[in-house]
C-alpha atoms as a PDB file:
ATOM      1  CA  MET A   1      25.848  -1.126  23.907  1.00  0.00           C
ATOM      2  CA  PRO A   2      23.300  -1.646  21.134  1.00  0.00           C
ATOM      3  CA  VAL A   3      22.006  -4.924  20.340  1.00  0.00           C
ATOM      4  CA  ASP A   4      22.754  -6.938  17.030  1.00  0.00           C
ATOM      5  CA  LEU A   5      19.786  -6.672  15.097  1.00  0.00           C
ATOM      6  CA  ASN A   6      21.536  -8.543  11.956  1.00  0.00           C
ATOM      7  CA  GLY A   7      19.411 -11.710  10.350  1.00  0.00           C
ATOM      8  CA  TYR A   8      16.160 -12.582   8.807  1.00  0.00           C
ATOM      9  CA  TRP A   9      12.930 -11.850  10.738  1.00  0.00           C
ATOM     10  CA  LYS A  10       9.649 -13.284   9.919  1.00  0.00           C
ATOM     11  CA  MET A  11       6.422 -11.444  11.122  1.00  0.00           C
ATOM     12  CA  ILE A  12       4.369 -13.093  13.732  1.00  0.00           C
ATOM     13  CA  SER A  13       1.439 -10.675  13.993  1.00  0.00           C
ATOM     14  CA  ASN A  14       0.463  -7.038  12.628  1.00  0.00           C
ATOM     15  CA  ASP A  15      -1.906  -5.858  15.543  1.00  0.00           C
ATOM     16  CA  ASN A  16      -3.741  -2.498  14.797  1.00  0.00           C
ATOM     17  CA  PHE A  17      -1.838  -1.957  11.553  1.00  0.00           C
ATOM     18  CA  GLU A  18      -5.158  -0.721   9.724  1.00  0.00           C
ATOM     19  CA  GLU A  19      -5.464   2.141  12.206  1.00  0.00           C
ATOM     20  CA  TYR A  20      -2.178   2.936  11.713  1.00  0.00           C
ATOM     21  CA  LEU A  21      -2.408   3.019   7.968  1.00  0.00           C
ATOM     22  CA  LYS A  22      -5.442   5.339   8.397  1.00  0.00           C
ATOM     23  CA  ALA A  23      -3.609   7.858  10.212  1.00  0.00           C
ATOM     24  CA  LEU A  24      -1.090   7.890   7.249  1.00  0.00           C
ATOM     25  CA  ASP A  25      -4.404   8.368   4.953  1.00  0.00           C
ATOM     26  CA  VAL A  26      -3.569   5.323   3.038  1.00  0.00           C
ATOM     27  CA  ASN A  27      -6.323   4.429   0.619  1.00  0.00           C
ATOM     28  CA  VAL A  28      -8.795   1.696   1.773  1.00  0.00           C
ATOM     29  CA  ALA A  29      -7.851  -0.674  -0.972  1.00  0.00           C
ATOM     30  CA  ILE A  30      -4.025  -0.524  -0.126  1.00  0.00           C
ATOM     31  CA  ARG A  31      -5.218  -0.713   3.686  1.00  0.00           C
ATOM     32  CA  LYS A  32      -7.127  -4.178   2.997  1.00  0.00           C
ATOM     33  CA  ILE A  33      -4.064  -5.570   0.979  1.00  0.00           C
ATOM     34  CA  ALA A  34      -1.591  -4.374   3.417  1.00  0.00           C
ATOM     35  CA  THR A  35      -3.403  -5.833   6.555  1.00  0.00           C
ATOM     36  CA  LEU A  36      -3.290  -9.173   4.801  1.00  0.00           C
ATOM     37  CA  LEU A  37       0.586  -9.308   4.605  1.00  0.00           C
ATOM     38  CA  LYS A  38       3.145 -10.433   7.171  1.00  0.00           C
ATOM     39  CA  PRO A  39       6.114  -8.770   5.574  1.00  0.00           C
ATOM     40  CA  ASP A  40       9.856 -10.204   6.860  1.00  0.00           C
ATOM     41  CA  LYS A  41      12.695  -7.905   7.443  1.00  0.00           C
ATOM     42  CA  ASP A  42      16.142  -8.648   6.565  1.00  0.00           C
ATOM     43  CA  ILE A  43      18.537  -6.539   8.522  1.00  0.00           C
ATOM     44  CA  ASN A  44      22.176  -5.932   7.729  1.00  0.00           C
ATOM     45  CA  HIS A  45      23.824  -4.175  10.888  1.00  0.00           C
ATOM     46  CA  ASP A  46      27.393  -3.140  10.914  1.00  0.00           C
ATOM     47  CA  GLY A  47      28.314  -0.804  13.568  1.00  0.00           C
ATOM     48  CA  ASP A  48      26.588   2.383  12.979  1.00  0.00           C
ATOM     49  CA  HIS A  49      25.440   1.603   9.304  1.00  0.00           C
ATOM     50  CA  ILE A  50      22.149  -0.353   9.121  1.00  0.00           C
ATOM     51  CA  VAL A  51      20.057  -1.682   6.125  1.00  0.00           C
ATOM     52  CA  ILE A  52      16.757  -2.790   6.850  1.00  0.00           C
ATOM     53  CA  LYS A  53      14.882  -4.596   3.870  1.00  0.00           C
ATOM     54  CA  THR A  54      11.080  -4.894   4.307  1.00  0.00           C
ATOM     55  CA  LEU A  55       9.945  -7.804   2.081  1.00  0.00           C
ATOM     56  CA  SER A  56       6.609  -8.741   0.891  1.00  0.00           C
ATOM     57  CA  THR A  57       4.564 -10.335  -1.772  1.00  0.00           C
ATOM     58  CA  PHE A  58       3.069  -6.769  -2.575  1.00  0.00           C
ATOM     59  CA  LYS A  59       5.817  -4.286  -2.066  1.00  0.00           C
ATOM     60  CA  ASN A  60       9.396  -4.045  -0.831  1.00  0.00           C
ATOM     61  CA  TYR A  61      11.021  -1.042   1.215  1.00  0.00           C
ATOM     62  CA  ASN A  62      14.640  -0.718   1.730  1.00  0.00           C
ATOM     63  CA  MET A  63      15.871   1.635   4.245  1.00  0.00           C
ATOM     64  CA  ASP A  64      19.770   2.334   4.170  1.00  0.00           C
ATOM     65  CA  PHE A  65      21.027   4.812   6.968  1.00  0.00           C
ATOM     66  CA  HIS A  66      23.606   5.635   9.526  1.00  0.00           C
ATOM     67  CA  VAL A  67      22.613   5.896  13.102  1.00  0.00           C
ATOM     68  CA  GLY A  68      22.470   9.689  14.580  1.00  0.00           C
ATOM     69  CA  LYS A  69      22.419  11.369  10.853  1.00  0.00           C
ATOM     70  CA  GLU A  70      19.457  13.037   9.873  1.00  0.00           C
ATOM     71  CA  PHE A  71      18.541  12.089   6.155  1.00  0.00           C
ATOM     72  CA  GLU A  72      15.640  12.763   3.617  1.00  0.00           C
ATOM     73  CA  GLU A  73      13.534   9.539   3.478  1.00  0.00           C
ATOM     74  CA  ASP A  74      11.295   9.031   0.469  1.00  0.00           C
ATOM     75  CA  LEU A  75       8.279   6.823   1.388  1.00  0.00           C
ATOM     76  CA  SER A  76       6.774   6.414  -1.987  1.00  0.00           C
ATOM     77  CA  GLY A  77       6.624   2.663  -1.184  1.00  0.00           C
ATOM     78  CA  VAL A  78       4.652   3.397   1.930  1.00  0.00           C
ATOM     79  CA  ASP A  79       2.594   6.449   1.713  1.00  0.00           C
ATOM     80  CA  ASP A  80       4.009   8.700  -1.092  1.00  0.00           C
ATOM     81  CA  ARG A  81       5.461  11.300   1.386  1.00  0.00           C
ATOM     82  CA  LYS A  82       9.001  12.682   2.222  1.00  0.00           C
ATOM     83  CA  CYS A  83      10.185  13.229   5.770  1.00  0.00           C
ATOM     84  CA  MET A  84      13.264  14.107   7.642  1.00  0.00           C
ATOM     85  CA  THR A  85      14.323  11.066   9.448  1.00  0.00           C
ATOM     86  CA  THR A  86      16.884  10.582  12.330  1.00  0.00           C
ATOM     87  CA  ILE A  87      17.393   7.221  13.702  1.00  0.00           C
ATOM     88  CA  SER A  88      19.292   6.742  17.291  1.00  0.00           C
ATOM     89  CA  TRP A  89      20.068   4.168  19.911  1.00  0.00           C
ATOM     90  CA  GLU A  90      18.189   4.777  23.223  1.00  0.00           C
ATOM     91  CA  GLY A  91      19.637   2.237  25.519  1.00  0.00           C
ATOM     92  CA  GLU A  92      18.948  -1.049  23.529  1.00  0.00           C
ATOM     93  CA  ASN A  93      16.078   0.375  21.502  1.00  0.00           C
ATOM     94  CA  LEU A  94      16.525   1.458  17.859  1.00  0.00           C
ATOM     95  CA  VAL A  95      14.364   4.773  17.623  1.00  0.00           C
ATOM     96  CA  CYS A  96      13.236   6.531  14.445  1.00  0.00           C
ATOM     97  CA  VAL A  97      12.003  10.019  14.386  1.00  0.00           C
ATOM     98  CA  GLN A  98      10.183  10.802  10.937  1.00  0.00           C
ATOM     99  CA  LYS A  99       9.542  14.831  10.736  1.00  0.00           C
ATOM    100  CA  GLY A 100       7.038  15.805   8.090  1.00  0.00           C
ATOM    101  CA  GLU A 101       3.303  15.960   7.468  1.00  0.00           C
ATOM    102  CA  LYS A 102       2.271  13.696  10.086  1.00  0.00           C
ATOM    103  CA  GLU A 103       2.538  14.269  13.750  1.00  0.00           C
ATOM    104  CA  GLY A 104       4.334  11.651  16.126  1.00  0.00           C
ATOM    105  CA  ARG A 105       5.532   9.651  13.207  1.00  0.00           C
ATOM    106  CA  GLY A 106       8.201   7.229  13.873  1.00  0.00           C
ATOM    107  CA  TRP A 107       9.019   3.510  14.881  1.00  0.00           C
ATOM    108  CA  THR A 108      11.093   1.542  17.469  1.00  0.00           C
ATOM    109  CA  HIS A 109      12.989  -1.722  17.132  1.00  0.00           C
ATOM    110  CA  TRP A 110      13.928  -3.875  20.180  1.00  0.00           C
ATOM    111  CA  VAL A 111      14.886  -7.657  20.860  1.00  0.00           C
ATOM    112  CA  GLU A 112      13.476  -9.733  23.454  1.00  0.00           C
ATOM    113  CA  GLY A 113      14.713 -13.129  23.500  1.00  0.00           C
ATOM    114  CA  ASP A 114      14.430 -14.705  19.895  1.00  0.00           C
ATOM    115  CA  GLU A 115      11.771 -12.030  18.819  1.00  0.00           C
ATOM    116  CA  LEU A 116      12.533  -8.612  17.190  1.00  0.00           C
ATOM    117  CA  HIS A 117       9.856  -6.028  18.044  1.00  0.00           C
ATOM    118  CA  LEU A 118       8.555  -3.023  16.150  1.00  0.00           C
ATOM    119  CA  GLU A 119       6.227  -0.366  16.950  1.00  0.00           C
ATOM    120  CA  LEU A 120       4.994   1.866  14.415  1.00  0.00           C
ATOM    121  CA  ARG A 121       3.556   5.386  15.485  1.00  0.00           C
ATOM    122  CA  ALA A 122       1.663   8.096  13.666  1.00  0.00           C
ATOM    123  CA  CYS A 123      -1.031  10.770  14.733  1.00  0.00           C
ATOM    124  CA  GLY A 124      -1.513   8.922  17.922  1.00  0.00           C
ATOM    125  CA  ALA A 125      -2.102   5.511  16.012  1.00  0.00           C
ATOM    126  CA  VAL A 126       0.325   2.581  17.427  1.00  0.00           C
ATOM    127  CA  THR A 127       0.860  -0.769  15.686  1.00  0.00           C
ATOM    128  CA  LYS A 128       2.878  -3.500  17.251  1.00  0.00           C
ATOM    129  CA  ASN A 129       4.633  -6.190  15.384  1.00  0.00           C
ATOM    130  CA  PRO A 130       6.753  -8.888  16.917  1.00  0.00           C
ATOM    131  CA  LEU A 131       8.919 -10.915  14.398  1.00  0.00           C
ATOM    132  CA  MET A 132      10.716 -14.293  14.984  1.00  0.00           C
ATOM    133  CA  HIS A 133      14.381 -14.629  14.082  1.00  0.00           C
ATOM    134  CA  SER A 134      14.606 -17.165  11.196  1.00  0.00           C
ATOM    135  CA  SER A 135      17.637 -19.325  10.362  1.00  0.00           C
ATOM    136  CA  ALA A 136      16.541 -19.890   7.044  1.00  0.00           C
ATOM    137  CA  HIS A 137      15.780 -17.575   3.881  1.00  0.00           C
ATOM    138  CA  PRO A 138      12.151 -18.085   2.836  1.00  0.00           C
ATOM    139  CA  LEU A 139      12.859 -18.404  -0.938  1.00  0.00           C
ATOM    140  CA  ILE A 140      15.077 -21.626  -0.652  1.00  0.00           C
ATOM    141  CA  CYS A 141      15.367 -23.450   2.409  1.00  0.00           C
ATOM    142  CA  PRO A 142      18.048 -26.349   2.400  1.00  0.00           C
ATOM    143  CA  SER A 143      16.026 -28.384   4.880  1.00  0.00           C
ATOM    144  CA  THR A 144      13.138 -28.744   2.343  1.00  0.00           C
ATOM    145  CA  HIS A 145      15.244 -28.622  -0.756  1.00  0.00           C
ATOM    146  CA  PRO A 146      18.260 -30.639  -0.139  1.00  0.00           C
ATOM    147  CA  SER A 147      19.182 -30.681  -3.863  1.00  0.00           C
ATOM    148  CA  ILE A 148      19.736 -27.273  -3.686  1.00  0.00           C
ATOM    149  CA  HIS A 149      23.045 -26.157  -2.244  1.00  0.00           C
ATOM    150  CA  PRO A 150      23.054 -22.742  -0.555  1.00  0.00           C
ATOM    151  CA  SER A 151      26.975 -21.931  -0.307  1.00  0.00           C
ATOM    152  CA  THR A 152      27.105 -21.090  -3.845  1.00  0.00           C
ATOM    153  CA  HIS A 153      23.673 -19.465  -4.455  1.00  0.00           C
ATOM    154  CA  PRO A 154      23.802 -15.603  -4.350  1.00  0.00           C
ATOM    155  CA  THR A 155      20.185 -15.060  -3.236  1.00  0.00           C
ATOM    156  CA  ILE A 156      20.464 -16.995  -0.155  1.00  0.00           C
ATOM    157  CA  HIS A 157      20.988 -15.056   3.132  1.00  0.00           C
ATOM    158  CA  PRO A 158      24.767 -15.629   4.362  1.00  0.00           C
ATOM    159  CA  SER A 159      23.214 -16.575   7.782  1.00  0.00           C
ATOM    160  CA  VAL A 160      21.910 -20.068   6.053  1.00  0.00           C
ATOM    161  CA  ARG A 161      25.031 -20.934   4.022  1.00  0.00           C
ATOM    162  CA  PRO A 162      26.573 -24.000   5.377  1.00  0.00           C
ATOM    163  CA  SER A 163      30.325 -24.390   5.552  1.00  0.00           C
ATOM    164  CA  PHE A 164      30.986 -27.355   3.454  1.00  0.00           C
ATOM    165  CA  HIS A 165      32.270 -26.917  -0.124  1.00  0.00           C
ATOM    166  CA  GLN A 166      30.189 -28.494  -2.839  1.00  0.00           C
ATOM    167  CA  SER A 167      28.950 -26.942  -6.164  1.00  0.00           C
ATOM    168  CA  PHE A 168      25.464 -25.738  -6.702  1.00  0.00           C
ATOM    169  CA  HIS A 169      23.214 -28.278  -8.311  1.00  0.00           C
ATOM    170  CA  ILE A 170      19.414 -28.782  -8.740  1.00  0.00           C
ATOM    171  CA  SER A 171      17.964 -31.945  -9.738  1.00  0.00           C
ATOM    172  CA  PHE A 172      14.581 -32.351 -11.175  1.00  0.00           C
ATOM    173  CA  HIS A 173      13.277 -35.921 -11.258  1.00  0.00           C
ATOM    174  CA  HIS A 174      10.748 -36.042 -14.184  1.00  0.00           C
ATOM    175  CA  SER A 175       9.518 -39.516 -13.250  1.00  0.00           C
ATOM    176  CA  ASN A 176       7.819 -38.087 -10.118  1.00  0.00           C
ATOM    177  CA  TYR A 177       5.327 -36.292 -12.449  1.00  0.00           C
ATOM    178  CA  PRO A 178       2.527 -38.118 -14.343  1.00  0.00           C
ATOM    179  CA  ARG A 179       2.804 -37.950 -18.171  1.00  0.00           C
ATOM    180  CA  GLN A 180       0.394 -35.756 -20.049  1.00  0.00           C
ATOM    181  CA  GLY A 181      -0.683 -37.147 -23.298  1.00  0.00           C
END
């Protein structure tokens, strides 16, 4: 049975990512920016339907697919190519094969403990990216912002919404800031 990939995952490291981007012919300026990023993954996994959102401060990429069904993937947010993509389960690994201009292109996701692993492949280049499961959405974390109630805020991931019922409230205390005059 496939593993449950649901959740918000924060990248730990991005090993050999520049070599992978070179194999995709990504220009040097974009490569330099991309290697500095540690994108997060927000995954919604419901049976054979999976949505993977890759989120960063530079670019976001959404992948919405059904396991086992080939589709045309538009990679304009990555390397401006299109390919025919098929994603399937091989045991507990989610394996993607991307057929197009680049030989051996694809990726594999698998879970070990509290980490989601991602291996990206293209033209013999391989990058490995472990991600740690996160219980809090990075934009608003209730533990660091107690005046924000996540149960009614639509941008907070459902996994961090508490079960108690209160209204959404943000309070700003202007007395904490020095007066400008």
